[in-house]
Amino acid sequence: MNIPNMNDLREWLPIASTLLRVAIILLLAWVVLRISRKLIRTFSAYMNTRADRPEDIRRIETLARVFRHASTVVISLVAGMLALSELGISIAPILGAAGVVGIAVGFGAQSLIKDFFNGIFILVENQIRQGDMVEICGKTGMVEEVTLRYIRLRDFEGSVHFVPNSLITTITNKSRGFAYAVIDVSIAYCENIEEVFGVMREVSVQLRASEAFSAKIVEDIDIAGVQDWADSAVVLRCRFKVIPLEQWAVRREFLHRLKEAFDARGIEIPYPHLTIYAEQDKHGNAPPLRVLNTDEAS
């Protein structure tokens, strides 16, 4: 039976001690990471209970997601540097080399740096939150994720768009505070406009009194009046003030109910048509058009 040499044990003892310290650092980093995520979840849950509006809840969730990513990166970097230091690898040359490489990479990755700066300002200024309906760079959709580098949108068709923060110059947020469901209604020129206004008000009262839409509509209908004289219709414009993200549902339901009300009262919803007059004089007299038979046409 071979008995281990004491000299060999003395040689392996520092290595084992170093590996043990590295293992402890990694273990502590894992524990700190778990604790930080739990604290972020607990704090976000606590803030959600104190939030009064859905917009505040969405902002809390957005910031919590960003803080989780940031804490993961910071803890991983600190743990990695401490582990390298325990292994006898000097961090100073690595940081110096990283600084030189960072300058070189910075010239080629200016858009990436701009992504992070724009992302910070977007979050600090509360321009956008997870769950908002926004229009960015010509793309419209629901915000699924906000990071310091990009914003992920999903449109009505289910397509996912990743928009880098460096490309964002204007954000149109359709879900901030309240929204308006703007509706254009076309009627025939022969219809009485005031009668149609009355029907629109009746339908709006029924819509707001319904259980499904009473909480979605904030104010009564606002009828702007005659919006346009189209080729074959008089266009009337109205709008509803609604809670965020409900303007499309309110618009669809109002048009549905208004179509049924128009049908019940015989109000014409026009379609494009063309009236031809032959040799009409200034008094409106026009001779009838002759319909040619086959022999005459030939």
Protein backbone atom coordinates (compact mmCIF):
# COMPACT_ATOMS: atom_id res chain seq x y z
CA MET A 1 0.00 0.00 0.00
CA ASN A 2 1.40 3.37 -1.13
CA ILE A 3 1.50 6.05 1.54
CA PRO A 4 1.14 9.62 0.16
CA ASN A 5 4.32 11.64 0.40
CA MET A 6 4.06 14.63 2.73
CA ASN A 7 5.89 16.76 0.17
CA ASP A 8 3.23 15.94 -2.43
CA LEU A 9 0.52 16.89 0.03
CA ARG A 10 2.23 20.20 0.72
CA GLU A 11 2.36 20.89 -3.04
CA TRP A 12 -1.31 20.07 -3.59
CA LEU A 13 -2.54 21.91 -0.52
CA PRO A 14 -2.21 25.47 -1.97
CA ILE A 15 -3.90 24.33 -5.21
CA ALA A 16 -6.74 22.74 -3.29
CA SER A 17 -7.03 25.85 -1.13
CA THR A 18 -7.18 28.06 -4.23
CA LEU A 19 -9.82 25.89 -5.89
CA LEU A 20 -11.82 25.89 -2.68
CA ARG A 21 -11.76 29.71 -2.53
CA VAL A 22 -12.81 29.91 -6.19
CA ALA A 23 -15.65 27.49 -5.50
CA ILE A 24 -16.73 29.57 -2.51
CA ILE A 25 -16.68 32.75 -4.63
CA LEU A 26 -18.81 31.13 -7.33
CA LEU A 27 -21.17 29.72 -4.72
CA LEU A 28 -21.52 33.11 -3.03
CA ALA A 29 -22.10 34.74 -6.42
CA TRP A 30 -24.88 32.23 -7.14
CA VAL A 31 -26.43 32.88 -3.72
CA VAL A 32 -26.21 36.66 -4.13
CA LEU A 33 -27.73 36.37 -7.61
CA ARG A 34 -30.65 34.33 -6.28
CA ILE A 35 -31.15 36.76 -3.39
CA SER A 36 -31.04 39.79 -5.69
CA ARG A 37 -33.64 38.28 -8.02
CA LYS A 38 -35.86 37.39 -5.08
CA LEU A 39 -35.52 40.90 -3.66
CA ILE A 40 -36.39 42.42 -7.03
CA ARG A 41 -39.45 40.17 -7.35
CA THR A 42 -40.54 40.95 -3.79
CA PHE A 43 -40.07 44.69 -4.24
CA SER A 44 -41.91 44.71 -7.59
CA ALA A 45 -44.78 42.71 -6.05
CA TYR A 46 -44.94 45.18 -3.16
CA MET A 47 -44.97 48.15 -5.54
CA ASN A 48 -47.67 46.47 -7.65
CA THR A 49 -49.93 46.32 -4.61
CA ARG A 50 -49.47 50.07 -4.10
CA ALA A 51 -49.94 50.97 -7.77
CA ASP A 52 -53.26 52.60 -8.59
CA ARG A 53 -53.18 52.43 -12.38
CA PRO A 54 -52.38 49.66 -14.88
CA GLU A 55 -49.77 51.99 -16.43
CA ASP A 56 -47.83 52.02 -13.14
CA ILE A 57 -47.90 48.23 -12.93
CA ARG A 58 -46.50 47.92 -16.46
CA ARG A 59 -43.69 50.36 -15.65
CA ILE A 60 -42.80 48.44 -12.49
CA GLU A 61 -42.61 45.18 -14.47
CA THR A 62 -40.44 46.82 -17.12
CA LEU A 63 -37.98 48.24 -14.58
CA ALA A 64 -37.88 44.94 -12.67
CA ARG A 65 -36.90 43.09 -15.86
CA VAL A 66 -34.11 45.57 -16.59
CA PHE A 67 -32.81 45.43 -13.00
CA ARG A 68 -32.70 41.62 -13.16
CA HIS A 69 -30.56 41.75 -16.29
CA ALA A 70 -28.28 44.45 -14.85
CA SER A 71 -27.78 42.64 -11.53
CA THR A 72 -26.93 39.41 -13.35
CA VAL A 73 -24.25 41.16 -15.43
CA VAL A 74 -22.72 43.04 -12.47
CA ILE A 75 -22.60 40.04 -10.12
CA SER A 76 -21.16 37.80 -12.84
CA LEU A 77 -18.43 40.32 -13.67
CA VAL A 78 -17.44 40.82 -10.02
CA ALA A 79 -17.40 37.09 -9.34
CA GLY A 80 -15.35 36.45 -12.46
CA MET A 81 -12.71 39.04 -11.53
CA LEU A 82 -12.43 37.71 -7.97
CA ALA A 83 -12.09 34.15 -9.24
CA LEU A 84 -9.33 35.18 -11.66
CA SER A 85 -7.55 37.01 -8.84
CA GLU A 86 -7.62 33.87 -6.68
CA LEU A 87 -6.18 31.85 -9.56
CA GLY A 88 -3.21 34.21 -9.66
CA ILE A 89 -4.25 35.97 -12.85
CA SER A 90 -3.64 39.69 -12.53
CA ILE A 91 -6.74 41.71 -13.30
CA ALA A 92 -4.89 45.00 -14.00
CA PRO A 93 -3.42 43.91 -17.37
CA ILE A 94 -6.79 42.47 -18.36
CA LEU A 95 -8.53 45.73 -17.49
CA GLY A 96 -5.86 47.69 -19.36
CA ALA A 97 -6.15 45.49 -22.40
CA ALA A 98 -9.90 45.67 -22.16
CA GLY A 99 -9.66 49.46 -22.14
CA VAL A 100 -7.52 49.49 -25.29
CA VAL A 101 -9.74 46.93 -27.00
CA GLY A 102 -12.81 48.84 -25.80
CA ILE A 103 -11.56 52.01 -27.51
CA ALA A 104 -10.92 50.11 -30.73
CA VAL A 105 -14.25 48.33 -30.56
CA GLY A 106 -16.01 51.54 -29.60
CA PHE A 107 -15.34 53.06 -33.01
CA GLY A 108 -16.89 50.04 -34.68
CA ALA A 109 -19.72 49.63 -32.19
CA GLN A 110 -20.97 53.17 -31.84
CA SER A 111 -24.53 52.07 -32.60
CA LEU A 112 -24.33 49.52 -29.77
CA ILE A 113 -23.18 52.21 -27.33
CA LYS A 114 -25.97 54.47 -28.56
CA ASP A 115 -28.41 51.59 -27.98
CA PHE A 116 -27.50 51.50 -24.30
CA PHE A 117 -27.61 55.29 -23.82
CA ASN A 118 -30.97 55.59 -25.57
CA GLY A 119 -32.28 52.63 -23.58
CA ILE A 120 -31.32 54.32 -20.31
CA PHE A 121 -33.09 57.54 -21.26
CA ILE A 122 -36.19 55.66 -22.46
CA LEU A 123 -36.47 53.93 -19.09
CA VAL A 124 -35.62 56.96 -16.95
CA GLU A 125 -38.08 59.21 -18.80
CA ASN A 126 -40.78 56.51 -18.70
CA GLN A 127 -41.41 56.77 -22.44
CA ILE A 128 -42.39 53.14 -22.89
CA ARG A 129 -43.35 50.16 -20.76
CA GLN A 130 -43.99 46.48 -21.16
CA GLY A 131 -47.56 45.96 -22.38
CA ASP A 132 -47.87 49.35 -24.13
CA MET A 133 -49.16 49.65 -27.68
CA VAL A 134 -46.66 51.81 -29.54
CA GLU A 135 -45.50 52.84 -32.98
CA ILE A 136 -41.72 52.91 -33.46
CA CYS A 137 -39.75 53.25 -36.69
CA GLY A 138 -42.84 52.51 -38.75
CA LYS A 139 -43.69 49.36 -36.73
CA THR A 140 -46.79 49.15 -34.54
CA GLY A 141 -47.32 46.50 -31.92
CA MET A 142 -47.53 45.48 -28.28
CA VAL A 143 -44.32 45.91 -26.26
CA GLU A 144 -43.23 42.48 -25.04
CA GLU A 145 -39.75 43.35 -23.76
CA VAL A 146 -37.71 46.48 -23.06
CA THR A 147 -33.96 46.15 -22.65
CA LEU A 148 -31.06 48.57 -22.76
CA ARG A 149 -30.29 47.42 -26.31
CA TYR A 150 -33.61 46.88 -28.07
CA ILE A 151 -37.40 46.90 -27.79
CA ARG A 152 -39.37 43.84 -28.84
CA LEU A 153 -42.79 44.40 -30.43
CA ARG A 154 -45.46 41.94 -31.53
CA ASP A 155 -47.95 43.23 -34.10
CA PHE A 156 -51.57 42.23 -34.74
CA GLU A 157 -50.51 39.40 -37.08
CA GLY A 158 -48.20 37.94 -34.45
CA SER A 159 -44.97 39.03 -36.15
CA VAL A 160 -42.19 40.01 -33.75
CA HIS A 161 -40.10 43.13 -34.42
CA PHE A 162 -36.79 43.86 -32.68
CA VAL A 163 -36.11 47.61 -32.83
CA PRO A 164 -32.62 48.74 -31.69
CA ASN A 165 -32.78 51.69 -29.32
CA SER A 166 -30.26 53.63 -31.43
CA LEU A 167 -32.80 53.81 -34.29
CA ILE A 168 -35.57 55.24 -32.13
CA THR A 169 -36.13 58.95 -32.66
CA THR A 170 -39.89 59.15 -32.08
CA ILE A 171 -42.17 56.96 -29.97
CA THR A 172 -45.93 57.12 -30.47
CA ASN A 173 -47.47 55.58 -27.36
CA LYS A 174 -51.13 54.62 -27.89
CA SER A 175 -51.73 53.47 -24.32
CA ARG A 176 -50.75 56.34 -22.06
CA GLY A 177 -53.41 57.69 -19.69
CA PHE A 178 -56.41 57.45 -22.03
CA ALA A 179 -57.24 57.07 -25.70
CA TYR A 180 -59.88 58.17 -28.18
CA ALA A 181 -61.83 55.81 -30.39
CA VAL A 182 -62.28 58.03 -33.47
CA ILE A 183 -65.09 56.85 -35.76
CA ASP A 184 -66.19 58.12 -39.19
CA VAL A 185 -69.76 57.30 -40.22
CA SER A 186 -70.89 57.63 -43.85
CA ILE A 187 -74.53 58.34 -44.71
CA ALA A 188 -76.35 59.14 -47.94
CA TYR A 189 -76.86 62.76 -48.97
CA CYS A 190 -80.64 62.29 -48.76
CA GLU A 191 -80.57 61.45 -45.03
CA ASN A 192 -81.38 63.92 -42.25
CA ILE A 193 -78.15 64.66 -40.41
CA GLU A 194 -79.78 65.62 -37.13
CA GLU A 195 -81.77 62.38 -37.13
CA VAL A 196 -78.57 60.42 -37.66
CA PHE A 197 -76.91 62.31 -34.79
CA GLY A 198 -79.80 61.25 -32.56
CA VAL A 199 -79.40 57.61 -33.55
CA MET A 200 -75.66 57.79 -32.84
CA ARG A 201 -76.33 59.19 -29.36
CA GLU A 202 -78.90 56.48 -28.64
CA VAL A 203 -76.48 53.74 -29.66
CA SER A 204 -73.67 55.31 -27.62
CA VAL A 205 -75.87 55.40 -24.50
CA GLN A 206 -76.76 51.71 -24.96
CA LEU A 207 -73.11 50.83 -25.54
CA ARG A 208 -71.91 52.63 -22.42
CA ALA A 209 -74.71 51.05 -20.35
CA SER A 210 -73.70 47.53 -21.43
CA GLU A 211 -71.83 45.41 -18.90
CA ALA A 212 -68.99 44.61 -21.27
CA PHE A 213 -68.16 48.24 -22.14
CA SER A 214 -69.30 50.33 -19.17
CA ALA A 215 -65.84 50.24 -17.57
CA LYS A 216 -64.02 50.85 -20.86
CA ILE A 217 -65.73 54.10 -21.91
CA VAL A 218 -64.73 57.11 -19.81
CA GLU A 219 -67.02 59.80 -21.27
CA ASP A 220 -70.13 60.05 -23.43
CA ILE A 221 -69.87 60.25 -27.18
CA ASP A 222 -68.39 63.46 -28.60
CA ILE A 223 -69.90 64.19 -32.03
CA ALA A 224 -67.62 66.53 -33.96
CA GLY A 225 -70.09 67.00 -36.83
CA VAL A 226 -69.77 66.79 -40.60
CA GLN A 227 -66.22 65.77 -41.40
CA ASP A 228 -66.34 65.63 -45.20
CA TRP A 229 -68.47 65.67 -48.34
CA ALA A 230 -67.32 62.54 -50.11
CA ASP A 231 -68.20 61.53 -53.67
CA SER A 232 -71.23 59.51 -52.61
CA ALA A 233 -71.62 60.12 -48.87
CA VAL A 234 -71.66 62.66 -46.08
CA VAL A 235 -69.00 61.69 -43.55
CA LEU A 236 -69.81 62.30 -39.88
CA ARG A 237 -67.09 62.09 -37.22
CA CYS A 238 -67.41 61.19 -33.55
CA ARG A 239 -65.18 59.82 -30.81
CA PHE A 240 -65.25 58.06 -27.44
CA LYS A 241 -62.80 58.71 -24.63
CA VAL A 242 -61.77 55.27 -23.38
CA ILE A 243 -59.21 53.62 -21.16
CA PRO A 244 -55.91 52.67 -22.83
CA LEU A 245 -55.88 49.83 -25.38
CA GLU A 246 -59.68 49.66 -25.62
CA GLN A 247 -60.20 52.15 -28.47
CA TRP A 248 -60.28 49.43 -31.13
CA ALA A 249 -62.77 47.21 -29.30
CA VAL A 250 -65.08 50.18 -28.62
CA ARG A 251 -64.89 51.29 -32.25
CA ARG A 252 -65.75 47.85 -33.60
CA GLU A 253 -68.69 47.36 -31.23
CA PHE A 254 -70.10 50.84 -31.89
CA LEU A 255 -70.01 50.31 -35.66
CA HIS A 256 -71.66 46.92 -35.21
CA ARG A 257 -74.52 48.35 -33.17
CA LEU A 258 -74.84 51.43 -35.36
CA LYS A 259 -75.24 49.26 -38.48
CA GLU A 260 -78.12 47.42 -36.84
CA ALA A 261 -79.72 50.72 -35.76
CA PHE A 262 -79.40 52.16 -39.29
CA ASP A 263 -80.99 49.05 -40.77
CA ALA A 264 -83.87 49.21 -38.31
CA ARG A 265 -84.59 52.88 -39.17
CA GLY A 266 -83.97 52.61 -42.91
CA ILE A 267 -80.98 54.95 -42.89
CA GLU A 268 -78.94 54.41 -46.02
CA ILE A 269 -75.26 53.58 -45.82
CA PRO A 270 -74.20 54.60 -49.35
CA TYR A 271 -71.90 52.95 -51.78
CA PRO A 272 -70.13 54.63 -54.70
CA HIS A 273 -72.42 55.16 -57.70
CA LEU A 274 -72.39 57.25 -60.86
CA THR A 275 -75.26 59.21 -62.42
CA ILE A 276 -74.88 60.04 -66.15
CA TYR A 277 -76.70 63.00 -67.72
CA ALA A 278 -76.87 63.42 -71.51
CA GLU A 279 -76.82 66.97 -72.93
CA GLN A 280 -78.26 68.54 -69.78
CA ASP A 281 -78.98 72.26 -70.08
CA LYS A 282 -78.68 74.86 -67.34
CA HIS A 283 -82.30 74.29 -66.27
CA GLY A 284 -81.64 70.60 -65.52
CA ASN A 285 -83.58 69.31 -68.54
CA ALA A 286 -82.00 66.35 -70.29
CA PRO A 287 -83.39 64.17 -73.06
CA PRO A 288 -83.67 60.48 -72.34
CA LEU A 289 -80.83 58.28 -73.41
CA ARG A 290 -81.60 56.03 -76.35
CA VAL A 291 -80.77 52.39 -75.93
CA LEU A 292 -79.41 51.05 -79.16
CA ASN A 293 -80.40 47.61 -80.31
CA THR A 294 -77.99 45.18 -81.83
CA ASP A 295 -78.66 46.21 -85.44
CA GLU A 296 -78.21 49.90 -84.69
CA ALA A 297 -75.08 49.29 -82.67
CA SER A 298 -73.54 47.38 -85.52
